[in-house]
Protein backbone atom coordinates (compact mmCIF):
# COMPACT_ATOMS: atom_id res chain seq x y z
CA PRO A 1 -45.34 20.38 -5.71
CA GLU A 2 -48.19 17.85 -5.75
CA TRP A 3 -46.63 15.82 -8.49
CA VAL A 4 -43.03 14.86 -7.81
CA PRO A 5 -41.30 12.81 -10.46
CA ARG A 6 -40.24 9.45 -9.24
CA ALA A 7 -36.51 8.84 -9.27
CA ARG A 8 -35.57 5.85 -11.30
CA CYS A 9 -33.18 3.45 -9.71
CA LEU A 10 -30.84 1.99 -12.23
CA ARG A 11 -29.47 -1.41 -11.61
CA VAL A 12 -26.04 -1.73 -13.06
CA ARG A 13 -25.22 -5.26 -13.90
CA SER A 14 -21.60 -6.13 -13.63
CA ALA A 15 -19.90 -7.68 -16.61
CA LEU A 16 -17.69 -9.60 -14.22
CA PRO A 17 -18.66 -13.08 -13.02
CA LEU A 18 -19.83 -13.53 -9.45
CA GLY A 19 -16.46 -14.82 -8.25
CA ALA A 20 -14.59 -11.80 -9.62
CA MET A 21 -12.46 -9.55 -7.46
CA ASP A 22 -14.38 -6.93 -5.50
CA MET A 23 -13.02 -3.65 -4.18
CA ASN A 24 -12.04 -5.02 -0.76
CA THR A 25 -10.00 -7.76 -2.36
CA CYS A 26 -8.41 -5.39 -4.83
CA CYS A 27 -7.46 -2.91 -2.08
CA ALA A 28 -5.94 -5.67 0.04
CA TYR A 29 -3.78 -6.91 -2.84
CA PHE A 30 -2.77 -3.35 -3.76
CA CYS A 31 -1.89 -2.49 -0.15
CA THR A 32 0.22 -5.64 0.14
CA GLY A 33 2.07 -4.92 -3.11
CA VAL A 34 2.74 -1.26 -2.34
CA SER A 35 3.95 -2.16 1.16
CA GLY A 36 6.38 -4.74 -0.20
CA PHE A 37 7.69 -2.34 -2.82
CA GLY A 38 8.03 0.44 -0.23
CA ILE A 39 9.99 -1.81 2.12
CA LEU A 40 12.42 -2.84 -0.62
CA THR A 41 12.90 0.71 -1.89
CA LEU A 42 13.39 2.25 1.56
CA ALA A 43 15.80 -0.53 2.54
CA VAL A 44 17.99 0.25 -0.47
CA ILE A 45 17.87 4.01 0.15
CA GLY A 46 18.53 3.56 3.88
CA GLY A 47 21.40 1.20 3.15
CA VAL A 48 23.05 3.67 0.78
CA LEU A 49 22.59 6.49 3.28
CA MET A 50 24.27 4.45 6.04
CA THR A 51 27.43 4.02 3.95
CA ASP A 52 29.98 6.66 3.08
CA LYS A 53 28.57 6.76 -0.46
CA ALA A 54 25.58 8.97 0.46
CA HIS A 55 26.94 11.74 -1.77
CA PHE A 56 25.64 9.71 -4.72
CA ILE A 57 22.11 10.60 -3.62
CA SER A 58 22.66 14.32 -3.00
CA GLU A 59 25.51 16.80 -2.73
CA GLU A 60 24.10 17.87 0.63
CA TYR A 61 25.51 14.67 2.12
CA ALA A 62 29.11 15.43 1.07
CA GLY A 63 31.45 16.20 3.93
CA PRO A 64 31.44 15.18 7.60
CA GLU A 65 28.29 17.06 8.60
CA GLY A 66 26.51 15.64 5.58
CA LEU A 67 27.33 12.11 6.68
CA GLU A 68 25.69 12.79 10.04
CA GLU A 69 22.55 14.01 8.27
CA ALA A 70 22.66 10.98 5.98
CA LYS A 71 22.69 8.62 8.95
CA LYS A 72 19.74 10.45 10.54
CA THR A 73 17.86 10.21 7.27
CA ALA A 74 18.69 6.50 7.06
CA TYR A 75 17.15 5.95 10.51
CA ASP A 76 14.02 7.73 9.28
CA CYS A 77 13.92 5.33 6.32
CA PHE A 78 14.17 2.39 8.70
CA ALA A 79 11.33 3.79 10.83
CA ALA A 80 9.21 4.05 7.68
CA ILE A 81 10.10 0.43 6.89
CA ALA A 82 8.62 -0.57 10.25
CA ILE A 83 5.37 1.25 9.42
CA TYR A 84 5.21 -0.33 5.96
CA GLY A 85 5.91 -3.68 7.64
CA LEU A 86 2.81 -3.30 9.81
CA PHE A 87 0.71 -2.56 6.74
CA LEU A 88 2.25 -5.56 4.98
CA ILE A 89 1.35 -7.82 7.91
CA PHE A 90 -2.25 -6.62 8.21
CA CYS A 91 -2.97 -6.46 4.47
CA GLY A 92 -1.20 -9.77 3.87
CA ALA A 93 -3.28 -11.36 6.61
CA ARG A 94 -6.41 -9.99 4.92
CA VAL A 95 -5.35 -11.47 1.59
CA MET A 96 -4.59 -14.81 3.23
CA SER A 97 -7.95 -14.91 5.02
CA MET A 98 -9.78 -14.10 1.77
CA SER A 99 -7.94 -16.80 -0.14
CA ARG A 100 -8.81 -19.43 2.50
CA LYS A 101 -12.58 -18.86 2.42
CA PRO A 102 -13.62 -17.56 -1.00
CA GLN A 103 -17.25 -18.58 -0.45
CA ASP A 104 -17.59 -16.29 2.58
CA LYS A 105 -16.38 -13.11 0.93
CA LEU A 106 -18.97 -10.48 0.24
CA LEU A 107 -19.14 -8.39 -2.88
CA ASP A 108 -19.39 -4.63 -2.39
CA ASP A 109 -22.36 -4.24 -4.72
CA ALA A 110 -23.93 -7.65 -5.00
CA GLN A 111 -27.28 -6.32 -6.15
């Protein structure tokens, strides 16, 4: 107990140059891309569900009661589009602010 080994701190040097993409930048770009893809995909699915061709997606939507369920599901898709749209706005604004001032961005692990 008198002698406690000293923990060695390892400094990991990044192989990337100083101006490389850090985790905050990467997450902002990923969030923007996923949000855009989600909006496009949900718009197509919601559009198909709003038409009378919803039975192409599932046999559950065949018949008159199925068309009612399809329209309710389409409205849920459009609500999800609104949520993805908010993420697209906020993440896109983050990407735009980072691209305007690259000298001010901080690296996660600069040392």
